[in-house]
Amino acid sequence: MEANKKMNLVDKYKAVPVSERYWWKVVALGFFGWILMYADRTILNPVMGNIGVEFGLSNAQLGLVNSVFFLAYAATQIPFGILADKVGRKLVIAFGFVLFGVTTYLSGIASAFIVFMLYRILTGVGEGAFYGPSYAISTEAIPTKKLTLGTAIINSGMAFGTSLGYILSSKLVLENGQHWSQPFYIMAVPTVILGILYYTLLKEKVVRPEDQGKEQVNHSTDTKETKNEKVSLKSIFKNKNLVVTFILVFCSIYANFVILTWLPRFLEVERGFAGTSVGFISSLVPWASIPGALILARLSDKYKTTKKFIYFLVPLAIITTFGIAFVTDRTLLIVALIIYGLTGKLALDPILVAFVTKNSPKNSLSTTLSVFNFIGMSGAILAPYITGWIADVTGSMQVGFYLAAVLLLIGMFVFIFIAKDNKQIEAS
């Protein structure tokens, strides 16, 4: 009886062949997943002032709302990644979307700051179920030659979501004068629906058309090796390539979330923008990132030179992060925002995800990607609060942007130490 139960579990999660078009279904769901994830995050940022007035909050307390959200998000990355490798990826993703859709709605009806914070923490927990399991599904489905491009298309949902969140809140609240809760209500329903679609439309594990012949030859050997190999955090942190990539992504995401969280408020308070223009100008970063990410991902798939791409993109991100805070001319500010969008976190991410995937220990892909995102999103935990605290102390958000540029410089320097003799490493 027990043996039959184990056999059923093996059969349930056994890799199945899929058509050449299946990977587009995976990419589409991942794309819409990021739209909803980032829209949910950024609907808060343009209305932080309104929430602050209603609950009587300082800049540091407003930053704390995002920090506790990302603390919950980051803390659940590794547990959800391990759980997904054991019980099923699409089940974990579906649970996460339903949870964060419900708590997004509840955030809008919160009558006290502490209750609002609690719902944002639970929303962060729900969103924590997405990253590792989702990229594990997409990595197995997307053809190897199109992996970075496919990942970039998925990641472009972050840009659409960021713009949607900014513009939705700016239009409804800053321009039309509606209560800050309205964007939260609007975002809740499609989020729950997408979780259901993830569970019903995708397969748990797949064999790409390019690998189906190999699967027949190596099936028995691969099954035995996979069965005996355990998920190991130690093997992940012993890999130098992974560790230096984790440091770089931390610095990249810290800078990105300084901009993502505080740019609307910075534009309104320190640069004189108002109404919908706050959302529109803030949206220049994500919109610029879409062509940047797609073009660079295509080139990365073609030339396989991760290190060269890093040393092209990161210096430009450093200069423009500094420039966003430093320049006072509106035209130069817009140019800096566009260049950061082309070269910053959203353009860099697909390259780093593909690099991590190629260096991941076998049978621990969800876990490795979850560790990658956990360390990266630790930057998102720190950035909102630290920048808000600096603004309270100095009376300006500029120093917070300068600190972000310095961290990017450190991340770029550390990436020098990738191990060139690693067999899994790309040409550099």
Protein backbone atom coordinates (compact mmCIF):
# COMPACT_ATOMS: atom_id res chain seq x y z
CA MET A 1 0.00 0.00 0.00
CA GLU A 2 2.75 2.43 1.04
CA ALA A 3 4.78 1.45 -2.02
CA ASN A 4 1.81 2.19 -4.29
CA LYS A 5 1.39 5.61 -2.65
CA LYS A 6 5.05 6.46 -3.35
CA MET A 7 4.70 5.28 -6.95
CA ASN A 8 1.67 7.55 -7.43
CA LEU A 9 3.64 10.52 -6.13
CA VAL A 10 6.50 9.76 -8.54
CA ASP A 11 4.05 9.44 -11.45
CA LYS A 12 2.30 12.67 -10.44
CA TYR A 13 5.47 14.75 -10.70
CA LYS A 14 7.13 12.80 -13.52
CA ALA A 15 8.32 15.01 -16.38
CA VAL A 16 6.00 14.86 -19.40
CA PRO A 17 6.70 15.84 -23.04
CA VAL A 18 5.19 19.12 -24.23
CA SER A 19 4.68 20.83 -27.58
CA GLU A 20 6.90 23.56 -28.99
CA ARG A 21 4.23 26.14 -28.16
CA TYR A 22 3.88 25.21 -24.48
CA TRP A 23 6.70 27.48 -23.33
CA TRP A 24 4.77 30.51 -24.56
CA LYS A 25 1.95 29.60 -22.17
CA VAL A 26 4.47 29.50 -19.32
CA VAL A 27 5.98 32.83 -20.39
CA ALA A 28 2.52 34.46 -20.64
CA LEU A 29 1.49 33.38 -17.14
CA GLY A 30 4.84 34.47 -15.70
CA PHE A 31 4.49 37.83 -17.49
CA PHE A 32 1.02 38.47 -16.04
CA GLY A 33 2.20 37.20 -12.66
CA TRP A 34 4.82 39.93 -12.49
CA ILE A 35 2.34 42.55 -13.69
CA LEU A 36 0.10 41.84 -10.73
CA MET A 37 2.99 41.45 -8.27
CA TYR A 38 4.54 44.82 -9.15
CA ALA A 39 1.25 46.67 -9.56
CA ASP A 40 0.33 45.51 -6.06
CA ARG A 41 3.64 46.87 -4.74
CA THR A 42 3.61 50.21 -6.53
CA ILE A 43 -0.03 51.22 -5.96
CA LEU A 44 1.18 52.09 -2.46
CA ASN A 45 4.02 54.43 -3.40
CA PRO A 46 2.17 57.42 -4.98
CA VAL A 47 -0.33 57.46 -2.08
CA MET A 48 2.18 57.17 0.76
CA GLY A 49 1.58 60.82 1.60
CA ASN A 50 -2.19 60.23 1.86
CA ILE A 51 -1.68 57.20 4.09
CA GLY A 52 0.80 59.16 6.19
CA VAL A 53 -1.72 61.96 6.73
CA GLU A 54 -4.54 59.53 7.62
CA PHE A 55 -2.47 57.58 10.14
CA GLY A 56 -0.08 60.37 11.25
CA LEU A 57 3.18 58.79 10.05
CA SER A 58 6.77 59.99 9.50
CA ASN A 59 8.84 59.17 6.40
CA ALA A 60 10.63 56.40 8.31
CA GLN A 61 7.29 54.83 9.29
CA LEU A 62 6.06 55.05 5.70
CA GLY A 63 9.26 53.35 4.56
CA LEU A 64 8.71 50.70 7.21
CA VAL A 65 5.46 49.64 5.49
CA ASN A 66 7.43 48.55 2.43
CA SER A 67 10.27 47.16 4.52
CA VAL A 68 8.07 44.78 6.52
CA PHE A 69 6.32 43.74 3.30
CA PHE A 70 9.65 42.79 1.72
CA LEU A 71 10.87 41.21 4.94
CA ALA A 72 7.94 38.80 4.78
CA TYR A 73 8.47 38.33 1.04
CA ALA A 74 12.18 37.57 1.42
CA ALA A 75 11.81 35.37 4.52
CA THR A 76 9.41 33.03 2.72
CA GLN A 77 11.52 32.63 -0.44
CA ILE A 78 13.62 29.66 0.66
CA PRO A 79 10.84 27.78 2.53
CA PHE A 80 8.52 28.10 -0.47
CA GLY A 81 11.33 27.10 -2.85
CA ILE A 82 12.08 23.94 -0.86
CA LEU A 83 8.36 23.17 -0.52
CA ALA A 84 7.84 23.60 -4.26
CA ASP A 85 10.69 21.16 -5.04
CA LYS A 86 9.00 18.62 -2.76
CA VAL A 87 5.22 18.96 -3.19
CA GLY A 88 4.75 20.76 -6.50
CA ARG A 89 5.50 24.18 -7.93
CA LYS A 90 2.16 25.20 -9.41
CA LEU A 91 0.33 24.34 -6.17
CA VAL A 92 2.64 26.62 -4.18
CA ILE A 93 2.25 29.44 -6.74
CA ALA A 94 -1.55 29.15 -6.79
CA PHE A 95 -1.72 29.28 -2.99
CA GLY A 96 0.47 32.39 -2.97
CA PHE A 97 -1.63 34.31 -5.49
CA VAL A 98 -4.91 33.55 -3.72
CA LEU A 99 -3.41 34.66 -0.39
CA PHE A 100 -1.95 37.92 -1.64
CA GLY A 101 -5.08 38.74 -3.66
CA VAL A 102 -7.27 38.41 -0.55
CA THR A 103 -4.90 40.38 1.68
CA THR A 104 -4.53 43.14 -0.93
CA TYR A 105 -8.29 43.66 -0.70
CA LEU A 106 -8.16 43.58 3.10
CA SER A 107 -5.35 46.19 3.06
CA GLY A 108 -7.84 48.65 1.59
CA ILE A 109 -10.32 48.25 4.44
CA ALA A 110 -7.74 48.52 7.25
CA SER A 111 -8.87 51.09 9.82
CA ALA A 112 -5.58 51.37 11.74
CA PHE A 113 -1.92 51.54 10.76
CA ILE A 114 -0.96 48.36 12.64
CA VAL A 115 -3.76 46.42 10.89
CA PHE A 116 -2.65 47.79 7.51
CA MET A 117 0.93 46.67 8.27
CA LEU A 118 -0.31 43.17 9.19
CA TYR A 119 -2.15 42.78 5.90
CA ARG A 120 0.90 44.00 3.96
CA ILE A 121 3.03 41.41 5.77
CA LEU A 122 0.59 38.65 4.76
CA THR A 123 0.60 40.00 1.19
CA GLY A 124 4.40 39.70 1.22
CA VAL A 125 4.09 36.08 2.39
CA GLY A 126 1.74 35.32 -0.51
CA GLU A 127 4.05 36.94 -3.07
CA GLY A 128 6.98 34.97 -1.64
CA ALA A 129 5.56 31.80 -3.17
CA PHE A 130 6.10 33.01 -6.74
CA TYR A 131 9.74 33.62 -7.61
CA GLY A 132 11.62 30.34 -7.20
CA PRO A 133 8.82 27.96 -8.27
CA SER A 134 7.84 30.18 -11.22
CA TYR A 135 11.36 30.47 -12.64
CA ALA A 136 11.92 26.75 -12.08
CA ILE A 137 8.84 26.06 -14.24
CA SER A 138 9.90 28.54 -16.92
CA THR A 139 13.53 27.37 -16.98
CA GLU A 140 12.42 23.80 -17.68
CA ALA A 141 9.93 24.88 -20.37
CA ILE A 142 11.79 27.58 -22.34
CA PRO A 143 14.13 26.28 -25.08
CA THR A 144 17.77 26.55 -23.99
CA LYS A 145 18.73 28.89 -26.84
CA LYS A 146 15.93 31.29 -25.85
CA LEU A 147 16.25 31.08 -22.07
CA THR A 148 17.49 34.62 -21.41
CA LEU A 149 15.05 36.10 -23.95
CA GLY A 150 12.12 34.14 -22.48
CA THR A 151 13.11 35.25 -18.98
CA ALA A 152 13.32 38.86 -20.18
CA ILE A 153 9.79 38.66 -21.59
CA ILE A 154 8.54 37.31 -18.25
CA ASN A 155 10.47 40.03 -16.39
CA SER A 156 8.99 42.76 -18.59
CA GLY A 157 5.79 42.15 -16.66
CA MET A 158 7.56 43.92 -13.78
CA ALA A 159 7.79 47.05 -15.91
CA PHE A 160 4.15 46.93 -17.00
CA GLY A 161 3.08 46.26 -13.41
CA THR A 162 5.18 49.09 -12.01
CA SER A 163 3.66 51.54 -14.51
CA LEU A 164 0.16 50.22 -13.90
CA GLY A 165 0.52 50.66 -10.15
CA TYR A 166 1.99 54.16 -10.41
CA ILE A 167 -0.57 55.43 -12.93
CA LEU A 168 -3.57 53.74 -11.29
CA SER A 169 -2.86 55.30 -7.88
CA SER A 170 -1.82 58.67 -9.31
CA LYS A 171 -4.94 58.93 -11.47
CA LEU A 172 -7.50 57.70 -8.95
CA VAL A 173 -6.09 59.29 -5.80
CA LEU A 174 -3.75 62.20 -6.61
CA GLU A 175 -5.75 63.52 -9.56
CA ASN A 176 -9.35 62.36 -9.01
CA GLY A 177 -9.25 62.69 -5.23
CA GLN A 178 -10.52 59.18 -4.42
CA HIS A 179 -9.57 57.42 -1.20
CA TRP A 180 -6.18 55.66 -1.21
CA SER A 181 -7.90 52.27 -0.73
CA GLN A 182 -9.47 52.19 -4.22
CA PRO A 183 -6.40 50.82 -6.10
CA PHE A 184 -6.14 47.96 -3.56
CA TYR A 185 -9.72 46.86 -4.26
CA ILE A 186 -9.15 46.95 -8.01
CA MET A 187 -6.03 44.75 -7.86
CA ALA A 188 -7.47 41.97 -5.68
CA VAL A 189 -9.77 40.08 -8.09
CA PRO A 190 -7.41 39.50 -11.09
CA THR A 191 -4.74 38.33 -8.64
CA VAL A 192 -6.91 35.49 -7.31
CA ILE A 193 -7.97 34.54 -10.86
CA LEU A 194 -4.34 34.25 -12.02
CA GLY A 195 -3.54 31.89 -9.16
CA ILE A 196 -6.34 29.58 -10.34
CA LEU A 197 -5.06 29.77 -13.94
CA TYR A 198 -1.53 28.84 -12.84
CA TYR A 199 -2.82 25.68 -11.20
CA THR A 200 -5.17 24.62 -14.01
CA LEU A 201 -3.19 25.50 -17.17
CA LEU A 202 0.38 24.37 -16.40
CA LYS A 203 2.02 20.99 -16.00
CA GLU A 204 4.18 20.27 -12.96
CA LYS A 205 7.34 19.13 -14.78
CA VAL A 206 7.99 19.00 -18.50
CA VAL A 207 10.44 17.75 -21.11
CA ARG A 208 11.11 20.29 -23.85
CA PRO A 209 10.88 19.12 -27.48
CA GLU A 210 14.66 19.59 -27.87
CA ASP A 211 15.27 17.19 -24.95
CA GLN A 212 12.66 14.51 -25.67
CA GLY A 213 15.09 12.19 -27.47
CA LYS A 214 17.63 12.53 -24.68
CA GLU A 215 14.93 11.82 -22.11
CA GLN A 216 14.32 8.35 -23.56
CA VAL A 217 18.01 7.45 -23.50
CA ASN A 218 18.84 8.78 -20.05
CA HIS A 219 15.52 8.37 -18.23
CA SER A 220 16.50 5.55 -15.87
CA THR A 221 19.88 7.08 -14.95
CA ASP A 222 18.45 10.57 -14.40
CA THR A 223 15.56 9.25 -12.30
CA LYS A 224 17.95 7.36 -10.00
CA GLU A 225 20.30 10.34 -9.60
CA THR A 226 17.44 12.79 -9.01
CA LYS A 227 15.82 10.51 -6.46
CA ASN A 228 19.02 10.11 -4.44
CA GLU A 229 20.09 13.75 -4.54
CA LYS A 230 18.86 15.99 -1.72
CA VAL A 231 18.20 19.71 -1.77
CA SER A 232 21.32 21.25 -0.16
CA LEU A 233 21.78 24.88 0.87
CA LYS A 234 25.43 24.08 1.62
CA SER A 235 26.15 23.15 -1.99
CA ILE A 236 24.56 26.42 -3.12
CA PHE A 237 26.72 28.59 -0.86
CA LYS A 238 29.90 26.65 -1.71
CA ASN A 239 29.54 27.78 -5.33
CA LYS A 240 31.58 30.98 -5.75
CA ASN A 241 29.74 31.98 -8.92
CA LEU A 242 26.42 31.88 -7.09
CA VAL A 243 27.70 33.77 -4.04
CA VAL A 244 29.12 36.72 -6.00
CA THR A 245 25.94 36.84 -8.08
CA PHE A 246 23.88 36.95 -4.87
CA ILE A 247 25.92 39.96 -3.68
CA LEU A 248 25.48 41.79 -6.98
CA VAL A 249 21.72 41.19 -7.07
CA PHE A 250 21.43 42.49 -3.48
CA CYS A 251 23.11 45.76 -4.50
CA SER A 252 21.08 46.00 -7.71
CA ILE A 253 17.75 45.44 -5.97
CA TYR A 254 18.61 47.84 -3.13
CA ALA A 255 19.16 50.61 -5.68
CA ASN A 256 16.06 49.66 -7.64
CA PHE A 257 13.82 49.80 -4.58
CA VAL A 258 15.17 53.14 -3.47
CA ILE A 259 13.94 54.38 -6.84
CA LEU A 260 10.77 52.26 -6.95
CA THR A 261 9.64 53.24 -3.43
CA TRP A 262 10.73 56.86 -3.11
CA LEU A 263 10.85 58.26 -6.65
CA PRO A 264 7.16 59.37 -6.73
CA ARG A 265 7.53 61.11 -3.36
CA PHE A 266 10.90 62.59 -4.42
CA LEU A 267 9.40 63.99 -7.62
CA GLU A 268 6.46 65.47 -5.74
CA VAL A 269 8.28 66.96 -2.74
CA GLU A 270 11.76 67.84 -4.07
CA ARG A 271 11.25 68.36 -7.81
CA GLY A 272 7.78 69.98 -7.93
CA PHE A 273 5.83 67.44 -10.01
CA ALA A 274 2.11 66.98 -9.25
CA GLY A 275 -0.93 64.80 -10.06
CA THR A 276 -0.73 62.21 -12.84
CA SER A 277 2.65 63.57 -13.96
CA VAL A 278 4.16 61.94 -10.85
CA GLY A 279 3.00 58.52 -12.03
CA PHE A 280 3.91 59.22 -15.65
CA ILE A 281 7.48 60.39 -14.93
CA SER A 282 8.02 57.52 -12.47
CA SER A 283 6.85 55.11 -15.16
CA LEU A 284 9.68 56.13 -17.49
CA VAL A 285 12.00 53.73 -15.65
CA PRO A 286 9.93 50.56 -16.19
CA TRP A 287 8.90 51.49 -19.73
CA ALA A 288 12.51 52.08 -20.75
CA SER A 289 13.50 48.76 -19.20
CA ILE A 290 11.33 46.73 -21.59
CA PRO A 291 13.30 47.29 -24.84
CA GLY A 292 16.55 47.34 -22.86
CA ALA A 293 15.89 43.95 -21.26
CA LEU A 294 14.66 42.29 -24.47
CA ILE A 295 17.54 43.52 -26.64
CA LEU A 296 20.22 42.73 -24.05
CA ALA A 297 18.71 39.31 -23.33
CA ARG A 298 18.79 38.46 -27.04
CA LEU A 299 22.43 39.54 -27.23
CA SER A 300 23.26 37.60 -24.05
CA ASP A 301 21.74 34.41 -25.50
CA LYS A 302 23.76 34.94 -28.66
CA TYR A 303 27.17 35.87 -27.27
CA LYS A 304 27.06 34.19 -23.81
CA THR A 305 29.31 36.79 -22.20
CA THR A 306 27.76 37.48 -18.83
CA LYS A 307 30.74 39.29 -17.33
CA LYS A 308 31.03 41.76 -20.22
CA PHE A 309 27.35 42.58 -20.01
CA ILE A 310 27.68 43.21 -16.26
CA TYR A 311 30.54 45.65 -16.80
CA PHE A 312 28.57 47.47 -19.47
CA LEU A 313 25.26 47.76 -17.61
CA VAL A 314 26.21 48.36 -13.98
CA PRO A 315 28.45 51.44 -14.50
CA LEU A 316 25.63 53.14 -16.39
CA ALA A 317 23.19 52.23 -13.61
CA ILE A 318 25.61 53.74 -11.05
CA ILE A 319 25.90 57.04 -12.92
CA THR A 320 22.16 57.40 -13.51
CA THR A 321 21.17 56.43 -9.93
CA PHE A 322 23.45 59.23 -8.73
CA GLY A 323 22.17 61.55 -11.46
CA ILE A 324 18.48 61.09 -10.58
CA ALA A 325 19.10 62.72 -7.21
CA PHE A 326 21.79 65.18 -8.30
CA VAL A 327 20.34 66.91 -11.37
CA THR A 328 17.71 69.62 -10.96
CA ASP A 329 16.98 70.22 -14.65
CA ARG A 330 13.80 68.31 -15.56
CA THR A 331 15.06 67.27 -18.99
CA LEU A 332 18.27 65.82 -17.55
CA LEU A 333 16.25 64.06 -14.85
CA ILE A 334 14.06 62.41 -17.49
CA VAL A 335 17.16 61.35 -19.46
CA ALA A 336 18.69 59.84 -16.30
CA LEU A 337 15.47 57.92 -15.54
CA ILE A 338 15.30 56.51 -19.07
CA ILE A 339 18.95 55.42 -19.09
CA TYR A 340 18.53 53.79 -15.67
CA GLY A 341 15.52 51.93 -17.03
CA LEU A 342 17.55 50.69 -19.99
CA THR A 343 20.48 49.50 -17.85
CA GLY A 344 19.23 48.98 -14.28
CA LYS A 345 17.77 46.08 -12.32
CA LEU A 346 15.05 45.06 -14.78
CA ALA A 347 17.54 44.87 -17.66
CA LEU A 348 20.13 43.07 -15.53
CA ASP A 349 17.79 40.49 -13.99
CA PRO A 350 17.30 38.11 -16.97
CA ILE A 351 21.06 37.86 -17.44
CA LEU A 352 21.63 37.07 -13.76
CA VAL A 353 18.73 34.55 -13.61
CA ALA A 354 20.13 32.67 -16.61
CA PHE A 355 23.61 32.72 -15.04
CA VAL A 356 22.28 31.39 -11.72
CA THR A 357 20.31 28.67 -13.52
CA LYS A 358 23.43 27.43 -15.29
CA ASN A 359 25.37 27.32 -12.02
CA SER A 360 22.60 25.78 -9.88
CA PRO A 361 23.13 22.35 -8.25
CA LYS A 362 21.05 19.66 -9.91
CA ASN A 363 17.60 19.00 -8.38
CA SER A 364 17.73 22.27 -6.37
CA LEU A 365 16.67 24.78 -9.01
CA SER A 366 13.63 26.19 -7.16
CA THR A 367 15.69 26.40 -3.98
CA THR A 368 18.68 28.10 -5.67
CA LEU A 369 16.47 30.66 -7.38
CA SER A 370 14.66 31.28 -4.10
CA VAL A 371 17.99 31.87 -2.31
CA PHE A 372 18.99 34.24 -5.13
CA ASN A 373 15.77 36.21 -4.73
CA PHE A 374 15.84 36.05 -0.92
CA ILE A 375 19.27 37.70 -0.80
CA GLY A 376 18.34 40.16 -3.53
CA MET A 377 15.08 41.14 -1.87
CA SER A 378 16.90 41.70 1.40
CA GLY A 379 17.95 44.91 -0.35
CA ALA A 380 14.27 45.73 -0.82
CA ILE A 381 13.73 45.23 2.92
CA LEU A 382 16.43 47.73 3.84
CA ALA A 383 16.07 50.32 1.07
CA PRO A 384 12.61 51.80 1.88
CA TYR A 385 13.22 52.24 5.62
CA ILE A 386 16.84 53.41 5.41
CA THR A 387 16.00 55.96 2.69
CA GLY A 388 13.01 57.22 4.69
CA TRP A 389 15.13 57.47 7.84
CA ILE A 390 17.84 59.38 5.95
CA ALA A 391 15.16 61.75 4.61
CA ASP A 392 13.90 62.40 8.17
CA VAL A 393 17.44 63.07 9.45
CA THR A 394 18.77 65.16 6.55
CA GLY A 395 15.55 66.70 5.26
CA SER A 396 16.20 65.28 1.75
CA MET A 397 16.06 61.92 -0.05
CA GLN A 398 19.18 62.67 -2.12
CA VAL A 399 21.63 60.96 0.25
CA GLY A 400 19.57 57.77 0.03
CA PHE A 401 20.01 57.75 -3.76
CA TYR A 402 23.75 58.38 -3.42
CA LEU A 403 24.06 55.43 -1.03
CA ALA A 404 22.31 53.23 -3.60
CA ALA A 405 24.91 54.24 -6.23
CA VAL A 406 27.77 53.32 -3.87
CA LEU A 407 26.27 49.86 -3.25
CA LEU A 408 26.03 49.27 -7.00
CA LEU A 409 29.73 50.08 -7.28
CA ILE A 410 30.51 47.49 -4.59
CA GLY A 411 28.40 44.85 -6.35
CA MET A 412 30.17 45.46 -9.64
CA PHE A 413 33.57 45.11 -7.97
CA VAL A 414 32.64 41.82 -6.25
CA PHE A 415 31.56 40.26 -9.55
CA ILE A 416 35.22 40.26 -10.59
CA PHE A 417 35.63 37.13 -8.46
CA ILE A 418 33.48 34.73 -10.49
CA ALA A 419 35.31 31.42 -10.92
CA LYS A 420 36.56 31.18 -14.49
CA ASP A 421 37.51 27.52 -14.12
CA ASN A 422 33.95 26.42 -13.18
CA LYS A 423 32.74 23.98 -15.83
CA GLN A 424 29.25 25.46 -15.73
CA ILE A 425 30.38 29.03 -16.29
CA GLU A 426 29.78 30.79 -19.57
CA ALA A 427 32.50 32.34 -21.69
CA SER A 428 33.65 35.62 -20.26
